[in-house]
C-alpha atoms as a PDB file:
ATOM      1  CA  MET A   1      65.638 -53.166 -38.361  1.00  0.00           C
ATOM      2  CA  LYS A   2      64.574 -51.299 -35.251  1.00  0.00           C
ATOM      3  CA  LYS A   3      60.859 -51.368 -34.453  1.00  0.00           C
ATOM      4  CA  GLU A   4      59.507 -47.855 -33.930  1.00  0.00           C
ATOM      5  CA  LYS A   5      57.589 -47.423 -30.704  1.00  0.00           C
ATOM      6  CA  LYS A   6      54.086 -45.989 -31.113  1.00  0.00           C
ATOM      7  CA  LYS A   7      53.536 -42.734 -29.282  1.00  0.00           C
ATOM      8  CA  LEU A   8      51.061 -43.042 -26.432  1.00  0.00           C
ATOM      9  CA  PHE A   9      49.880 -39.412 -26.511  1.00  0.00           C
ATOM     10  CA  ASN A  10      50.060 -36.851 -29.321  1.00  0.00           C
ATOM     11  CA  GLU A  11      52.349 -34.741 -27.182  1.00  0.00           C
ATOM     12  CA  ILE A  12      53.793 -34.648 -23.683  1.00  0.00           C
ATOM     13  CA  ARG A  13      54.898 -31.225 -22.502  1.00  0.00           C
ATOM     14  CA  LYS A  14      56.457 -29.901 -19.323  1.00  0.00           C
ATOM     15  CA  LEU A  15      56.196 -26.377 -17.954  1.00  0.00           C
ATOM     16  CA  LYS A  16      59.527 -24.694 -17.146  1.00  0.00           C
ATOM     17  CA  GLU A  17      58.715 -24.767 -13.437  1.00  0.00           C
ATOM     18  CA  PHE A  18      58.030 -28.493 -13.658  1.00  0.00           C
ATOM     19  CA  GLU A  19      61.395 -29.059 -15.378  1.00  0.00           C
ATOM     20  CA  ARG A  20      63.182 -27.129 -12.629  1.00  0.00           C
ATOM     21  CA  GLU A  21      61.385 -29.016  -9.834  1.00  0.00           C
ATOM     22  CA  PHE A  22      62.010 -32.351 -11.577  1.00  0.00           C
ATOM     23  CA  ARG A  23      65.768 -31.714 -11.854  1.00  0.00           C
ATOM     24  CA  LYS A  24      65.902 -30.727  -8.184  1.00  0.00           C
ATOM     25  CA  LEU A  25      64.057 -33.893  -7.090  1.00  0.00           C
ATOM     26  CA  LEU A  26      66.179 -36.035  -9.418  1.00  0.00           C
ATOM     27  CA  LYS A  27      69.252 -35.189  -7.313  1.00  0.00           C
ATOM     28  CA  LYS A  28      67.447 -36.596  -4.282  1.00  0.00           C
ATOM     29  CA  PHE A  29      65.637 -39.516  -5.962  1.00  0.00           C
ATOM     30  CA  LYS A  30      67.912 -41.112  -8.577  1.00  0.00           C
ATOM     31  CA  THR A  31      65.251 -43.390 -10.146  1.00  0.00           C
ATOM     32  CA  LEU A  32      62.798 -40.549 -10.805  1.00  0.00           C
ATOM     33  CA  GLU A  33      63.373 -40.399 -14.559  1.00  0.00           C
ATOM     34  CA  GLU A  34      62.679 -44.114 -15.049  1.00  0.00           C
ATOM     35  CA  ASP A  35      59.795 -43.978 -12.577  1.00  0.00           C
ATOM     36  CA  MET A  36      58.255 -41.119 -14.571  1.00  0.00           C
ATOM     37  CA  GLU A  37      58.513 -43.138 -17.801  1.00  0.00           C
ATOM     38  CA  THR A  38      56.824 -46.104 -16.114  1.00  0.00           C
ATOM     39  CA  PHE A  39      54.105 -43.827 -14.733  1.00  0.00           C
ATOM     40  CA  ILE A  40      53.320 -42.426 -18.203  1.00  0.00           C
ATOM     41  CA  ASN A  41      53.271 -45.858 -19.840  1.00  0.00           C
ATOM     42  CA  THR A  42      51.128 -47.515 -17.177  1.00  0.00           C
ATOM     43  CA  GLN A  43      48.976 -45.204 -15.039  1.00  0.00           C
ATOM     44  CA  LEU A  44      48.370 -42.468 -17.620  1.00  0.00           C
ATOM     45  CA  ASN A  45      47.778 -45.076 -20.322  1.00  0.00           C
ATOM     46  CA  LEU A  46      45.277 -46.976 -18.162  1.00  0.00           C
ATOM     47  CA  TYR A  47      43.441 -43.840 -17.057  1.00  0.00           C
ATOM     48  CA  HIS A  48      43.248 -41.786 -20.254  1.00  0.00           C
ATOM     49  CA  LYS A  49      43.568 -44.357 -23.059  1.00  0.00           C
ATOM     50  CA  LEU A  50      41.969 -47.493 -21.660  1.00  0.00           C
ATOM     51  CA  LYS A  51      39.492 -45.543 -19.444  1.00  0.00           C
ATOM     52  CA  ILE A  52      40.288 -47.697 -16.424  1.00  0.00           C
ATOM     53  CA  ASN A  53      39.892 -46.022 -13.055  1.00  0.00           C
ATOM     54  CA  VAL A  54      43.258 -45.509 -11.370  1.00  0.00           C
ATOM     55  CA  PRO A  55      42.705 -44.710  -7.674  1.00  0.00           C
ATOM     56  CA  GLY A  56      45.889 -42.638  -7.412  1.00  0.00           C
ATOM     57  CA  ILE A  57      44.803 -40.119 -10.051  1.00  0.00           C
ATOM     58  CA  VAL A  58      42.151 -37.589  -9.066  1.00  0.00           C
ATOM     59  CA  ARG A  59      40.752 -34.647 -10.961  1.00  0.00           C
ATOM     60  CA  ILE A  60      41.100 -31.320  -9.173  1.00  0.00           C
ATOM     61  CA  SER A  61      37.517 -30.302  -9.741  1.00  0.00           C
ATOM     62  CA  ASP A  62      37.182 -27.259  -7.498  1.00  0.00           C
ATOM     63  CA  LEU A  63      39.120 -25.064  -9.932  1.00  0.00           C
ATOM     64  CA  VAL A  64      37.261 -22.770 -12.322  1.00  0.00           C
ATOM     65  CA  ILE A  65      38.878 -24.554 -15.286  1.00  0.00           C
ATOM     66  CA  ASP A  66      36.988 -26.869 -17.639  1.00  0.00           C
ATOM     67  CA  ASN A  67      39.579 -27.329 -20.349  1.00  0.00           C
ATOM     68  CA  PRO A  68      42.122 -28.708 -19.929  1.00  0.00           C
ATOM     69  CA  LYS A  69      41.207 -31.020 -17.082  1.00  0.00           C
ATOM     70  CA  ILE A  70      43.681 -30.724 -14.200  1.00  0.00           C
ATOM     71  CA  TYR A  71      44.707 -33.867 -12.304  1.00  0.00           C
ATOM     72  CA  LYS A  72      46.681 -34.663  -9.181  1.00  0.00           C
ATOM     73  CA  VAL A  73      48.635 -37.913  -8.876  1.00  0.00           C
ATOM     74  CA  ARG A  74      48.695 -39.163  -5.299  1.00  0.00           C
ATOM     75  CA  LYS A  75      50.052 -42.638  -5.986  1.00  0.00           C
ATOM     76  CA  PHE A  76      53.380 -42.389  -7.750  1.00  0.00           C
ATOM     77  CA  ALA A  77      55.777 -45.287  -7.288  1.00  0.00           C
ATOM     78  CA  CYS A  78      59.336 -44.048  -6.816  1.00  0.00           C
ATOM     79  CA  ARG A  79      61.872 -46.831  -6.377  1.00  0.00           C
ATOM     80  CA  SER A  80      64.308 -44.470  -4.636  1.00  0.00           C
ATOM     81  CA  LEU A  81      61.857 -44.258  -1.741  1.00  0.00           C
ATOM     82  CA  LYS A  82      62.140 -47.896  -0.708  1.00  0.00           C
ATOM     83  CA  GLY A  83      59.413 -49.403   1.442  1.00  0.00           C
ATOM     84  CA  LYS A  84      56.839 -46.711   0.746  1.00  0.00           C
ATOM     85  CA  GLY A  85      55.315 -48.277  -2.364  1.00  0.00           C
ATOM     86  CA  SER A  86      53.047 -46.070  -4.412  1.00  0.00           C
ATOM     87  CA  TYR A  87      52.360 -43.783  -1.430  1.00  0.00           C
ATOM     88  CA  CYS A  88      55.878 -42.429  -1.664  1.00  0.00           C
ATOM     89  CA  GLY A  89      54.942 -38.810  -1.133  1.00  0.00           C
ATOM     90  CA  ILE A  90      55.762 -37.519  -4.600  1.00  0.00           C
ATOM     91  CA  ARG A  91      52.864 -35.597  -6.105  1.00  0.00           C
ATOM     92  CA  ILE A  92      52.415 -34.664  -9.750  1.00  0.00           C
ATOM     93  CA  ILE A  93      49.989 -32.110 -11.139  1.00  0.00           C
ATOM     94  CA  TYR A  94      49.225 -32.286 -14.846  1.00  0.00           C
ATOM     95  CA  ALA A  95      46.763 -30.987 -17.409  1.00  0.00           C
ATOM     96  CA  TYR A  96      45.113 -33.211 -19.995  1.00  0.00           C
ATOM     97  CA  TYR A  97      43.780 -31.737 -23.214  1.00  0.00           C
ATOM     98  CA  GLU A  98      41.345 -34.454 -24.232  1.00  0.00           C
ATOM     99  CA  GLU A  99      40.566 -33.262 -27.779  1.00  0.00           C
ATOM    100  CA  GLU A 100      44.229 -32.752 -28.673  1.00  0.00           C
ATOM    101  CA  ASP A 101      45.409 -35.759 -26.618  1.00  0.00           C
ATOM    102  CA  ILE A 102      48.134 -33.728 -24.918  1.00  0.00           C
ATOM    103  CA  ILE A 103      49.556 -34.210 -21.432  1.00  0.00           C
ATOM    104  CA  GLU A 104      51.189 -31.163 -19.878  1.00  0.00           C
ATOM    105  CA  PHE A 105      53.055 -31.592 -16.613  1.00  0.00           C
ATOM    106  CA  VAL A 106      52.525 -28.590 -14.361  1.00  0.00           C
ATOM    107  CA  GLU A 107      54.149 -29.381 -11.032  1.00  0.00           C
ATOM    108  CA  ILE A 108      56.031 -32.087  -9.163  1.00  0.00           C
ATOM    109  CA  TYR A 109      56.839 -31.968  -5.472  1.00  0.00           C
ATOM    110  CA  TYR A 110      57.733 -34.102  -2.503  1.00  0.00           C
ATOM    111  CA  LYS A 111      55.014 -34.076   0.160  1.00  0.00           C
ATOM    112  CA  GLY A 112      57.674 -33.823   2.877  1.00  0.00           C
ATOM    113  CA  ASP A 113      58.768 -30.460   1.453  1.00  0.00           C
ATOM    114  CA  LYS A 114      55.398 -28.988   0.527  1.00  0.00           C
ATOM    115  CA  ALA A 115      51.819 -29.703   1.598  1.00  0.00           C
ATOM    116  CA  ASN A 116      49.753 -28.884  -1.500  1.00  0.00           C
ATOM    117  CA  GLU A 117      49.837 -27.995  -5.163  1.00  0.00           C
ATOM    118  CA  ASP A 118      50.523 -24.448  -6.343  1.00  0.00           C
ATOM    119  CA  ARG A 119      47.004 -23.361  -7.265  1.00  0.00           C
ATOM    120  CA  GLU A 120      48.221 -19.915  -8.279  1.00  0.00           C
ATOM    121  CA  ARG A 121      50.429 -21.512 -10.931  1.00  0.00           C
ATOM    122  CA  ILE A 122      47.566 -23.649 -12.205  1.00  0.00           C
ATOM    123  CA  LEU A 123      45.244 -20.654 -12.474  1.00  0.00           C
ATOM    124  CA  ARG A 124      47.965 -18.498 -14.042  1.00  0.00           C
ATOM    125  CA  TYR A 125      48.444 -20.990 -16.878  1.00  0.00           C
ATOM    126  CA  TYR A 126      44.939 -22.317 -17.442  1.00  0.00           C
ATOM    127  CA  LYS A 127      42.272 -19.890 -16.237  1.00  0.00           C
ATOM    128  CA  LYS A 128      40.477 -18.219 -19.118  1.00  0.00           C
ATOM    129  CA  ASP A 129      39.676 -14.555 -18.519  1.00  0.00           C
END
């Protein structure tokens, strides 16, 4: 009998733009899918479930958005980028709905291709009028 794995979060969603960016990066970094799974099960679990400070996750606090909370991941370990460790240059932007316990991935990019997150996208999806 197969043991059913308990879900870590109520839901994990991905915006269409995130999906597109992820697929594009996956061609370049072959381990990205597994690395993403590891990231969710370790860093996100530690930070949001166990309330342990994870230095690589920072809240983007200068946005005019209170709910959901928007975070930037600066330390993401990608095994395809050998020798760089957790400072591999891949950045992830995500929203966390605390009450509903939902993670929503907003953006993923390689720092070598792009300097900063797409704030227009964040505001378009999450700013309340």
